[in-house]
């Protein structure tokens, strides 16, 4: 059975990382920053860098001091509802793909504000994105195409991006054995 994660896990993880790296919690760092006269996120980032607190550790302090963004406080269902609020006819497409992920061992579902990421224990292998008002894009990380299907398109990859292919889905009927087979191939190529 898949596990579903949201931003809340990241907030807790960043706090734990800060504790491991510095021996202090976010509340202690927030107090120090306020005592130093820090009043903005930009000034905090600069000040923390001077203290050798950077990256995710610095985010833990920023979120403690200025608050966690609202979307990061939402649960998985709220985030997915928001993605499909203006395209409700596409929600069954996403639900069918998520249903596959929930039934598949060793898949982690990571819900973000604008997409859902599917991951193995090694790395992300797929992303479900409401791409247009009429289509959901299933983006995939594939080392090699697994089929000669015309539905599987190679996409232009931005620097640092690992998703290489896309299947554009317009109805739940298109989430068929072929698409689920392609999704399974991506999962296997990326760690399972």
N, C-alpha and C. Protein backbone atom coordinates (compact mmCIF):
# COMPACT_ATOMS: atom_id res chain seq x y z
N UNK A 1 0.83 -1.18 0.00
CA UNK A 1 0.00 0.00 0.00
C UNK A 1 0.88 1.25 0.00
N UNK A 2 0.54 2.21 -0.82
CA UNK A 2 1.32 3.44 -0.94
C UNK A 2 1.10 4.32 0.29
N UNK A 3 2.09 5.14 0.56
CA UNK A 3 1.92 6.14 1.60
C UNK A 3 1.75 7.49 0.93
N UNK A 4 0.93 8.36 1.54
CA UNK A 4 0.68 9.67 0.97
C UNK A 4 1.28 10.72 1.89
N UNK A 5 2.09 11.59 1.32
CA UNK A 5 2.75 12.62 2.10
C UNK A 5 2.37 14.01 1.59
N UNK A 6 2.39 14.96 2.49
CA UNK A 6 2.15 16.35 2.13
C UNK A 6 3.30 17.18 2.68
N UNK A 7 3.12 18.48 2.70
CA UNK A 7 4.16 19.38 3.17
C UNK A 7 4.43 19.26 4.66
N UNK A 8 3.43 18.79 5.43
CA UNK A 8 3.63 18.71 6.87
C UNK A 8 4.86 17.87 7.23
N UNK A 9 5.08 16.80 6.49
CA UNK A 9 6.25 15.97 6.74
C UNK A 9 7.54 16.74 6.48
N UNK A 10 7.50 17.61 5.47
CA UNK A 10 8.69 18.40 5.16
C UNK A 10 8.98 19.41 6.28
N UNK A 11 7.94 20.01 6.83
CA UNK A 11 8.12 20.96 7.92
C UNK A 11 8.81 20.27 9.09
N UNK A 12 8.32 19.09 9.47
CA UNK A 12 8.91 18.34 10.58
C UNK A 12 10.33 17.89 10.26
N UNK A 13 10.55 17.47 9.02
CA UNK A 13 11.87 17.02 8.60
C UNK A 13 12.89 18.16 8.66
N UNK A 14 12.49 19.35 8.22
CA UNK A 14 13.39 20.51 8.25
C UNK A 14 13.75 20.88 9.68
N UNK A 15 12.78 20.80 10.58
CA UNK A 15 13.04 21.10 11.99
C UNK A 15 14.03 20.09 12.56
N UNK A 16 13.84 18.82 12.24
CA UNK A 16 14.76 17.78 12.72
C UNK A 16 16.17 17.99 12.16
N UNK A 17 16.26 18.37 10.89
CA UNK A 17 17.56 18.63 10.27
C UNK A 17 18.26 19.80 10.96
N UNK A 18 17.52 20.86 11.24
CA UNK A 18 18.09 22.00 11.96
C UNK A 18 18.65 21.56 13.32
N UNK A 19 17.89 20.76 14.04
CA UNK A 19 18.35 20.26 15.34
C UNK A 19 19.62 19.43 15.21
N UNK A 20 19.68 18.55 14.20
CA UNK A 20 20.87 17.73 14.01
C UNK A 20 22.09 18.57 13.65
N UNK A 21 21.90 19.55 12.78
CA UNK A 21 23.03 20.35 12.30
C UNK A 21 23.54 21.35 13.33
N UNK A 22 22.63 21.93 14.12
CA UNK A 22 23.04 23.02 15.00
C UNK A 22 22.91 22.72 16.48
N UNK A 23 22.16 21.68 16.80
CA UNK A 23 21.92 21.38 18.21
C UNK A 23 20.87 22.27 18.85
N UNK A 24 20.23 23.11 18.04
CA UNK A 24 19.21 24.05 18.53
C UNK A 24 17.94 23.92 17.69
N UNK A 25 16.81 24.24 18.29
CA UNK A 25 15.55 24.18 17.55
C UNK A 25 15.23 25.52 16.89
N UNK A 26 14.18 25.52 16.09
CA UNK A 26 13.79 26.72 15.34
C UNK A 26 13.41 27.87 16.28
N UNK A 27 12.76 27.55 17.37
CA UNK A 27 12.35 28.59 18.32
C UNK A 27 13.57 29.33 18.86
N UNK A 28 14.64 28.61 19.19
CA UNK A 28 15.88 29.23 19.68
C UNK A 28 16.48 30.14 18.62
N UNK A 29 16.53 29.65 17.37
CA UNK A 29 17.08 30.47 16.28
C UNK A 29 16.20 31.69 16.01
N UNK A 30 14.90 31.54 16.12
CA UNK A 30 14.00 32.68 15.93
C UNK A 30 14.26 33.75 16.98
N UNK A 31 14.43 33.33 18.22
CA UNK A 31 14.72 34.29 19.29
C UNK A 31 16.03 35.03 19.00
N UNK A 32 17.05 34.30 18.58
CA UNK A 32 18.34 34.93 18.25
C UNK A 32 18.19 35.92 17.10
N UNK A 33 17.43 35.53 16.09
CA UNK A 33 17.25 36.42 14.93
C UNK A 33 16.51 37.69 15.33
N UNK A 34 15.49 37.55 16.13
CA UNK A 34 14.75 38.75 16.58
C UNK A 34 15.65 39.64 17.43
N UNK A 35 16.45 39.03 18.29
CA UNK A 35 17.40 39.80 19.11
C UNK A 35 18.41 40.54 18.24
N UNK A 36 18.71 39.97 17.05
CA UNK A 36 19.65 40.61 16.12
C UNK A 36 18.97 41.66 15.24
N UNK A 37 17.67 41.86 15.45
CA UNK A 37 16.95 42.90 14.71
C UNK A 37 16.44 42.45 13.33
N UNK A 38 16.38 41.18 13.08
CA UNK A 38 15.92 40.67 11.79
C UNK A 38 14.41 40.84 11.70
N UNK A 39 13.94 41.41 10.55
CA UNK A 39 12.52 41.68 10.40
C UNK A 39 11.92 41.20 9.08
N UNK A 40 12.75 40.65 8.19
CA UNK A 40 12.21 40.20 6.90
C UNK A 40 12.82 38.85 6.53
N UNK A 41 12.12 38.09 5.68
CA UNK A 41 12.67 36.80 5.26
C UNK A 41 14.03 36.92 4.57
N UNK A 42 14.20 37.95 3.75
CA UNK A 42 15.48 38.14 3.07
C UNK A 42 16.62 38.41 4.04
N UNK A 43 16.36 39.28 5.01
CA UNK A 43 17.38 39.58 6.02
C UNK A 43 17.67 38.34 6.86
N UNK A 44 16.64 37.56 7.15
CA UNK A 44 16.84 36.33 7.91
C UNK A 44 17.72 35.35 7.15
N UNK A 45 17.45 35.19 5.86
CA UNK A 45 18.25 34.26 5.05
C UNK A 45 19.72 34.66 5.06
N UNK A 46 19.99 35.95 4.90
CA UNK A 46 21.37 36.44 4.91
C UNK A 46 22.02 36.20 6.28
N UNK A 47 21.30 36.53 7.32
CA UNK A 47 21.82 36.38 8.68
C UNK A 47 22.09 34.91 9.00
N UNK A 48 21.15 34.04 8.63
CA UNK A 48 21.33 32.61 8.89
C UNK A 48 22.53 32.06 8.12
N UNK A 49 22.72 32.51 6.89
CA UNK A 49 23.87 32.06 6.10
C UNK A 49 25.17 32.44 6.80
N UNK A 50 25.20 33.62 7.40
CA UNK A 50 26.37 34.04 8.16
C UNK A 50 26.62 33.14 9.37
N UNK A 51 25.56 32.49 9.85
CA UNK A 51 25.65 31.57 10.99
C UNK A 51 25.84 30.11 10.52
N UNK A 52 26.03 29.95 9.19
CA UNK A 52 26.16 28.61 8.58
C UNK A 52 24.90 27.77 8.69
N UNK A 53 23.76 28.43 8.68
CA UNK A 53 22.46 27.75 8.65
C UNK A 53 21.84 28.08 7.29
N UNK A 54 21.79 27.07 6.42
CA UNK A 54 21.31 27.29 5.06
C UNK A 54 20.34 26.18 4.65
N UNK A 55 19.80 26.32 3.47
CA UNK A 55 18.95 25.28 2.88
C UNK A 55 17.71 25.00 3.70
N UNK A 56 17.40 23.70 3.82
CA UNK A 56 16.20 23.29 4.52
C UNK A 56 16.23 23.66 5.99
N UNK A 57 17.41 23.68 6.59
CA UNK A 57 17.52 24.09 7.99
C UNK A 57 17.07 25.54 8.16
N UNK A 58 17.47 26.40 7.22
CA UNK A 58 17.08 27.80 7.28
C UNK A 58 15.57 27.96 7.10
N UNK A 59 14.98 27.11 6.28
CA UNK A 59 13.52 27.18 6.10
C UNK A 59 12.79 26.91 7.40
N UNK A 60 13.31 26.00 8.22
CA UNK A 60 12.67 25.71 9.50
C UNK A 60 12.60 26.97 10.36
N UNK A 61 13.66 27.76 10.34
CA UNK A 61 13.68 29.00 11.12
C UNK A 61 12.73 30.02 10.50
N UNK A 62 12.79 30.15 9.17
CA UNK A 62 11.91 31.11 8.48
C UNK A 62 10.45 30.81 8.77
N UNK A 63 10.08 29.53 8.69
CA UNK A 63 8.68 29.17 8.92
C UNK A 63 8.28 29.39 10.37
N UNK A 64 9.21 29.19 11.30
CA UNK A 64 8.90 29.46 12.70
C UNK A 64 8.71 30.95 12.93
N UNK A 65 9.55 31.74 12.29
CA UNK A 65 9.54 33.18 12.51
C UNK A 65 8.41 33.89 11.77
N UNK A 66 8.16 33.49 10.53
CA UNK A 66 7.19 34.21 9.70
C UNK A 66 5.95 33.40 9.34
N UNK A 67 5.94 32.15 9.76
CA UNK A 67 4.78 31.30 9.49
C UNK A 67 4.98 30.41 8.28
N UNK A 68 4.36 29.26 8.35
CA UNK A 68 4.37 28.31 7.24
C UNK A 68 3.35 28.77 6.22
N UNK A 69 3.71 28.79 4.93
CA UNK A 69 2.73 29.19 3.91
C UNK A 69 1.44 28.38 4.04
N UNK A 70 0.31 29.02 3.78
CA UNK A 70 -1.00 28.40 3.97
C UNK A 70 -1.14 27.07 3.24
N UNK A 71 -0.68 27.03 1.98
CA UNK A 71 -0.86 25.80 1.22
C UNK A 71 -0.09 24.63 1.83
N UNK A 72 0.95 24.93 2.61
CA UNK A 72 1.73 23.86 3.24
C UNK A 72 1.04 23.31 4.47
N UNK A 73 -0.02 23.96 4.90
CA UNK A 73 -0.76 23.49 6.06
C UNK A 73 -1.97 22.65 5.66
N UNK A 74 -2.22 22.55 4.37
CA UNK A 74 -3.36 21.79 3.89
C UNK A 74 -3.04 20.31 3.81
N UNK A 75 -4.08 19.51 3.98
CA UNK A 75 -3.94 18.07 3.83
C UNK A 75 -3.97 17.67 2.37
N UNK A 76 -3.70 16.40 2.11
CA UNK A 76 -3.63 15.89 0.74
C UNK A 76 -4.94 16.12 -0.02
N UNK A 77 -6.06 15.80 0.61
CA UNK A 77 -7.34 15.97 -0.08
C UNK A 77 -7.61 17.43 -0.45
N UNK A 78 -7.30 18.34 0.46
CA UNK A 78 -7.49 19.77 0.19
C UNK A 78 -6.62 20.23 -0.98
N UNK A 79 -5.38 19.78 -0.99
CA UNK A 79 -4.47 20.17 -2.06
C UNK A 79 -4.96 19.65 -3.42
N UNK A 80 -5.38 18.39 -3.46
CA UNK A 80 -5.86 17.82 -4.72
C UNK A 80 -7.17 18.48 -5.14
N UNK A 81 -8.06 18.72 -4.19
CA UNK A 81 -9.30 19.44 -4.51
C UNK A 81 -8.98 20.79 -5.15
N UNK A 82 -8.00 21.48 -4.63
CA UNK A 82 -7.61 22.78 -5.18
C UNK A 82 -7.07 22.67 -6.59
N UNK A 83 -6.34 21.62 -6.88
CA UNK A 83 -5.79 21.44 -8.23
C UNK A 83 -6.89 21.28 -9.28
N UNK A 84 -8.00 20.68 -8.88
CA UNK A 84 -9.05 20.37 -9.84
C UNK A 84 -10.33 21.20 -9.63
N UNK A 85 -10.24 22.25 -8.83
CA UNK A 85 -11.42 23.06 -8.52
C UNK A 85 -12.07 23.65 -9.77
N UNK A 86 -11.27 24.06 -10.73
CA UNK A 86 -11.81 24.68 -11.95
C UNK A 86 -11.81 23.73 -13.14
N UNK A 87 -11.62 22.46 -12.89
CA UNK A 87 -11.62 21.44 -13.95
C UNK A 87 -12.08 20.11 -13.37
N UNK A 88 -13.24 20.14 -12.75
CA UNK A 88 -13.76 18.98 -12.02
C UNK A 88 -13.92 17.75 -12.90
N UNK A 89 -14.11 17.94 -14.19
CA UNK A 89 -14.27 16.79 -15.10
C UNK A 89 -12.99 15.98 -15.21
N UNK A 90 -11.84 16.56 -14.79
CA UNK A 90 -10.56 15.85 -14.87
C UNK A 90 -10.21 15.12 -13.58
N UNK A 91 -10.92 15.39 -12.52
CA UNK A 91 -10.60 14.75 -11.24
C UNK A 91 -10.64 13.22 -11.32
N UNK A 92 -11.61 12.62 -12.04
CA UNK A 92 -11.60 11.15 -12.15
C UNK A 92 -10.33 10.60 -12.81
N UNK A 93 -9.70 11.37 -13.70
CA UNK A 93 -8.45 10.95 -14.33
C UNK A 93 -7.37 10.85 -13.26
N UNK A 94 -7.25 11.91 -12.47
CA UNK A 94 -6.26 11.92 -11.39
C UNK A 94 -6.56 10.82 -10.38
N UNK A 95 -7.83 10.65 -10.03
CA UNK A 95 -8.20 9.63 -9.06
C UNK A 95 -7.85 8.22 -9.55
N UNK A 96 -8.01 7.97 -10.85
CA UNK A 96 -7.66 6.65 -11.39
C UNK A 96 -6.16 6.40 -11.29
N UNK A 97 -5.35 7.41 -11.60
CA UNK A 97 -3.90 7.28 -11.48
C UNK A 97 -3.48 7.12 -10.02
N UNK A 98 -4.09 7.91 -9.15
CA UNK A 98 -3.78 7.80 -7.72
C UNK A 98 -4.23 6.46 -7.16
N UNK A 99 -5.34 5.95 -7.67
CA UNK A 99 -5.80 4.63 -7.25
C UNK A 99 -4.77 3.56 -7.56
N UNK A 100 -4.18 3.64 -8.77
CA UNK A 100 -3.11 2.70 -9.11
C UNK A 100 -1.96 2.83 -8.12
N UNK A 101 -1.55 4.08 -7.83
CA UNK A 101 -0.42 4.32 -6.92
C UNK A 101 -0.73 3.80 -5.52
N UNK A 102 -1.95 4.00 -5.05
CA UNK A 102 -2.32 3.55 -3.71
C UNK A 102 -2.30 2.02 -3.60
N UNK A 103 -2.60 1.33 -4.69
CA UNK A 103 -2.62 -0.13 -4.68
C UNK A 103 -1.24 -0.75 -4.94
N UNK A 104 -0.27 0.06 -5.30
CA UNK A 104 1.04 -0.45 -5.71
C UNK A 104 2.03 -0.34 -4.56
N UNK A 105 2.68 -1.44 -4.25
CA UNK A 105 3.68 -1.45 -3.18
C UNK A 105 4.85 -0.53 -3.51
N UNK A 106 5.42 0.03 -2.47
CA UNK A 106 6.64 0.83 -2.58
C UNK A 106 6.48 2.11 -3.38
N UNK A 107 5.28 2.65 -3.46
CA UNK A 107 5.07 3.95 -4.10
C UNK A 107 4.73 4.96 -3.02
N UNK A 108 5.42 6.07 -3.04
CA UNK A 108 5.13 7.19 -2.14
C UNK A 108 4.43 8.25 -2.96
N UNK A 109 3.29 8.68 -2.49
CA UNK A 109 2.52 9.73 -3.15
C UNK A 109 2.82 11.02 -2.40
N UNK A 110 3.36 11.99 -3.10
CA UNK A 110 3.71 13.26 -2.46
C UNK A 110 2.86 14.35 -3.11
N UNK A 111 1.94 14.90 -2.34
CA UNK A 111 1.00 15.89 -2.85
C UNK A 111 1.58 17.28 -2.65
N UNK A 112 1.62 18.02 -3.72
CA UNK A 112 2.07 19.41 -3.69
C UNK A 112 0.91 20.31 -4.12
N UNK A 113 1.15 21.60 -4.16
CA UNK A 113 0.07 22.54 -4.46
C UNK A 113 -0.46 22.39 -5.87
N UNK A 114 0.42 22.17 -6.86
CA UNK A 114 -0.02 22.16 -8.26
C UNK A 114 0.14 20.81 -8.95
N UNK A 115 0.66 19.81 -8.25
CA UNK A 115 0.84 18.50 -8.85
C UNK A 115 0.96 17.44 -7.77
N UNK A 116 0.95 16.18 -8.21
CA UNK A 116 1.19 15.05 -7.31
C UNK A 116 2.37 14.28 -7.87
N UNK A 117 3.34 14.00 -7.02
CA UNK A 117 4.54 13.28 -7.40
C UNK A 117 4.41 11.83 -6.94
N UNK A 118 4.84 10.90 -7.79
CA UNK A 118 4.90 9.49 -7.43
C UNK A 118 6.37 9.12 -7.34
N UNK A 119 6.76 8.49 -6.22
CA UNK A 119 8.16 8.21 -5.98
C UNK A 119 8.37 6.77 -5.55
N UNK A 120 9.53 6.24 -5.92
CA UNK A 120 10.00 4.99 -5.35
C UNK A 120 10.88 5.37 -4.17
N UNK A 121 11.46 4.40 -3.52
CA UNK A 121 12.39 4.72 -2.43
C UNK A 121 13.64 5.42 -2.96
N UNK A 122 13.91 5.30 -4.26
CA UNK A 122 15.10 5.92 -4.85
C UNK A 122 14.84 7.32 -5.37
N UNK A 123 13.70 7.52 -6.06
CA UNK A 123 13.48 8.82 -6.69
C UNK A 123 12.09 8.93 -7.30
N UNK A 124 11.79 10.14 -7.74
CA UNK A 124 10.53 10.43 -8.40
C UNK A 124 10.51 9.77 -9.78
N UNK A 125 9.41 9.10 -10.09
CA UNK A 125 9.29 8.46 -11.39
C UNK A 125 8.11 8.96 -12.21
N UNK A 126 7.19 9.68 -11.57
CA UNK A 126 6.03 10.19 -12.31
C UNK A 126 5.45 11.40 -11.59
N UNK A 127 4.71 12.18 -12.36
CA UNK A 127 4.04 13.35 -11.82
C UNK A 127 2.70 13.48 -12.51
N UNK A 128 1.67 13.74 -11.72
CA UNK A 128 0.32 13.93 -12.22
C UNK A 128 0.01 15.41 -12.11
N UNK A 129 -0.21 16.06 -13.26
CA UNK A 129 -0.38 17.51 -13.29
C UNK A 129 -1.62 17.88 -14.09
N UNK A 130 -2.53 18.66 -13.51
CA UNK A 130 -3.63 19.19 -14.31
C UNK A 130 -3.07 20.27 -15.24
N UNK A 131 -2.71 19.87 -16.45
CA UNK A 131 -1.92 20.72 -17.34
C UNK A 131 -2.73 21.81 -18.02
N UNK A 132 -3.94 21.49 -18.42
CA UNK A 132 -4.82 22.45 -19.08
C UNK A 132 -6.22 22.28 -18.50
N UNK A 133 -7.15 23.07 -18.96
CA UNK A 133 -8.54 22.93 -18.51
C UNK A 133 -9.16 21.64 -19.01
N UNK A 134 -8.51 21.00 -20.01
CA UNK A 134 -9.11 19.80 -20.60
C UNK A 134 -8.21 18.57 -20.56
N UNK A 135 -7.05 18.66 -19.89
CA UNK A 135 -6.16 17.49 -19.89
C UNK A 135 -5.29 17.43 -18.63
N UNK A 136 -5.01 16.20 -18.24
CA UNK A 136 -4.06 15.90 -17.17
C UNK A 136 -2.83 15.33 -17.85
N UNK A 137 -1.67 15.82 -17.47
CA UNK A 137 -0.42 15.27 -17.98
C UNK A 137 0.14 14.29 -16.97
N UNK A 138 0.42 13.09 -17.45
CA UNK A 138 1.17 12.10 -16.68
C UNK A 138 2.60 12.20 -17.19
N UNK A 139 3.46 12.82 -16.39
CA UNK A 139 4.86 13.00 -16.77
C UNK A 139 5.66 11.86 -16.16
N UNK A 140 6.62 11.34 -16.92
CA UNK A 140 7.33 10.13 -16.52
C UNK A 140 8.84 10.29 -16.67
N UNK A 141 9.54 9.61 -15.80
CA UNK A 141 11.00 9.52 -15.91
C UNK A 141 11.30 8.15 -16.51
N UNK A 142 11.72 8.15 -17.76
CA UNK A 142 12.02 6.90 -18.46
C UNK A 142 13.40 6.99 -19.09
N UNK A 143 14.23 6.01 -18.84
CA UNK A 143 15.54 5.96 -19.50
C UNK A 143 15.36 5.58 -20.96
N UNK A 144 14.39 4.75 -21.22
CA UNK A 144 14.10 4.32 -22.59
C UNK A 144 12.60 4.16 -22.71
N UNK A 145 12.08 4.51 -23.88
CA UNK A 145 10.65 4.35 -24.10
C UNK A 145 10.29 2.88 -23.95
N UNK A 146 9.18 2.62 -23.33
CA UNK A 146 8.78 1.25 -23.03
C UNK A 146 7.80 0.69 -24.06
N UNK A 147 7.37 1.52 -24.95
CA UNK A 147 6.38 1.13 -25.94
C UNK A 147 6.50 2.05 -27.15
N UNK A 148 5.99 1.60 -28.25
CA UNK A 148 5.97 2.47 -29.43
C UNK A 148 4.66 3.23 -29.51
N UNK A 149 3.94 3.29 -28.42
CA UNK A 149 2.64 3.96 -28.37
C UNK A 149 2.75 5.41 -28.81
N UNK A 150 1.83 5.82 -29.63
CA UNK A 150 1.77 7.23 -30.04
C UNK A 150 1.33 8.12 -28.88
N UNK A 151 0.79 7.52 -27.85
CA UNK A 151 0.33 8.29 -26.69
C UNK A 151 1.50 8.77 -25.83
N UNK A 152 2.61 8.07 -25.89
CA UNK A 152 3.79 8.42 -25.10
C UNK A 152 4.66 9.38 -25.91
N UNK A 153 4.74 10.62 -25.42
CA UNK A 153 5.50 11.66 -26.12
C UNK A 153 6.78 11.97 -25.37
N UNK A 154 7.86 12.17 -26.10
CA UNK A 154 9.11 12.66 -25.50
C UNK A 154 8.91 14.16 -25.29
N UNK A 155 9.33 14.67 -24.15
CA UNK A 155 9.17 16.09 -23.88
C UNK A 155 10.54 16.75 -23.74
N UNK A 156 10.55 18.04 -24.00
CA UNK A 156 11.77 18.83 -23.82
C UNK A 156 12.00 18.97 -22.32
N UNK A 157 13.17 18.62 -21.89
CA UNK A 157 13.50 18.60 -20.47
C UNK A 157 14.26 19.87 -20.10
N UNK A 158 13.76 20.57 -19.10
CA UNK A 158 14.46 21.74 -18.59
C UNK A 158 15.68 21.29 -17.81
N UNK A 159 16.69 22.13 -17.74
CA UNK A 159 17.91 21.79 -17.00
C UNK A 159 17.55 21.39 -15.57
N UNK A 160 18.04 20.25 -15.17
CA UNK A 160 17.79 19.75 -13.83
C UNK A 160 16.52 18.94 -13.68
N UNK A 161 15.69 18.92 -14.71
CA UNK A 161 14.45 18.15 -14.64
C UNK A 161 14.74 16.72 -15.09
N UNK A 162 14.07 15.77 -14.50
CA UNK A 162 14.32 14.37 -14.81
C UNK A 162 13.16 13.70 -15.53
N UNK A 163 12.05 14.41 -15.69
CA UNK A 163 10.89 13.83 -16.36
C UNK A 163 11.08 13.97 -17.86
N UNK A 164 11.00 12.86 -18.57
CA UNK A 164 11.40 12.82 -19.97
C UNK A 164 10.27 12.56 -20.96
N UNK A 165 9.15 12.03 -20.47
CA UNK A 165 8.05 11.65 -21.35
C UNK A 165 6.71 12.11 -20.76
N UNK A 166 5.70 12.15 -21.64
CA UNK A 166 4.38 12.57 -21.20
C UNK A 166 3.32 11.72 -21.89
N UNK A 167 2.26 11.45 -21.13
CA UNK A 167 1.03 10.92 -21.69
C UNK A 167 -0.05 11.94 -21.30
N UNK A 168 -0.71 12.51 -22.29
CA UNK A 168 -1.77 13.50 -22.03
C UNK A 168 -3.10 12.75 -21.99
N UNK A 169 -3.83 12.95 -20.89
CA UNK A 169 -5.07 12.22 -20.66
C UNK A 169 -6.24 13.20 -20.54
N UNK A 170 -7.30 12.95 -21.29
CA UNK A 170 -8.45 13.84 -21.31
C UNK A 170 -9.70 13.25 -20.67
N UNK A 171 -9.69 11.92 -20.45
CA UNK A 171 -10.84 11.28 -19.79
C UNK A 171 -10.36 10.06 -19.02
N UNK A 172 -11.17 9.64 -18.07
CA UNK A 172 -10.80 8.50 -17.24
C UNK A 172 -10.69 7.23 -18.09
N UNK A 173 -11.42 7.16 -19.19
CA UNK A 173 -11.33 5.99 -20.08
C UNK A 173 -9.94 5.82 -20.67
N UNK A 174 -9.18 6.89 -20.75
CA UNK A 174 -7.83 6.82 -21.30
C UNK A 174 -6.81 6.25 -20.30
N UNK A 175 -7.22 6.14 -19.04
CA UNK A 175 -6.35 5.51 -18.04
C UNK A 175 -6.60 4.01 -18.14
N UNK A 176 -6.03 3.41 -19.17
CA UNK A 176 -6.28 2.01 -19.50
C UNK A 176 -5.04 1.16 -19.19
N UNK A 177 -5.10 -0.10 -19.59
CA UNK A 177 -3.98 -1.01 -19.32
C UNK A 177 -2.67 -0.52 -19.92
N UNK A 178 -2.74 0.08 -21.09
CA UNK A 178 -1.52 0.58 -21.73
C UNK A 178 -0.87 1.67 -20.87
N UNK A 179 -1.65 2.64 -20.43
CA UNK A 179 -1.12 3.74 -19.62
C UNK A 179 -0.60 3.21 -18.29
N UNK A 180 -1.34 2.31 -17.65
CA UNK A 180 -0.88 1.75 -16.38
C UNK A 180 0.37 0.91 -16.57
N UNK A 181 0.50 0.26 -17.72
CA UNK A 181 1.73 -0.49 -18.03
C UNK A 181 2.92 0.43 -18.20
N UNK A 182 2.72 1.56 -18.85
CA UNK A 182 3.79 2.55 -19.00
C UNK A 182 4.19 3.09 -17.63
N UNK A 183 3.20 3.37 -16.79
CA UNK A 183 3.46 3.86 -15.44
C UNK A 183 4.24 2.83 -14.62
N UNK A 184 3.87 1.58 -14.73
CA UNK A 184 4.57 0.50 -14.03
C UNK A 184 6.01 0.37 -14.53
N UNK A 185 6.21 0.52 -15.83
CA UNK A 185 7.57 0.46 -16.38
C UNK A 185 8.44 1.59 -15.82
N UNK A 186 7.86 2.78 -15.71
CA UNK A 186 8.60 3.90 -15.13
C UNK A 186 8.95 3.60 -13.68
N UNK A 187 8.02 3.03 -12.93
CA UNK A 187 8.29 2.67 -11.53
C UNK A 187 9.45 1.68 -11.44
N UNK A 188 9.42 0.66 -12.27
CA UNK A 188 10.47 -0.36 -12.25
C UNK A 188 11.83 0.21 -12.66
N UNK A 189 11.84 1.08 -13.67
CA UNK A 189 13.10 1.67 -14.11
C UNK A 189 13.73 2.59 -13.05
N UNK A 190 12.91 3.03 -12.12
CA UNK A 190 13.39 4.00 -11.14
C UNK A 190 13.43 3.49 -9.71
N UNK A 191 13.61 2.18 -9.58
CA UNK A 191 13.89 1.71 -8.25
C UNK A 191 13.13 0.54 -7.71
N UNK A 192 12.13 0.07 -8.36
CA UNK A 192 11.38 -1.06 -7.78
C UNK A 192 11.47 -2.27 -8.67
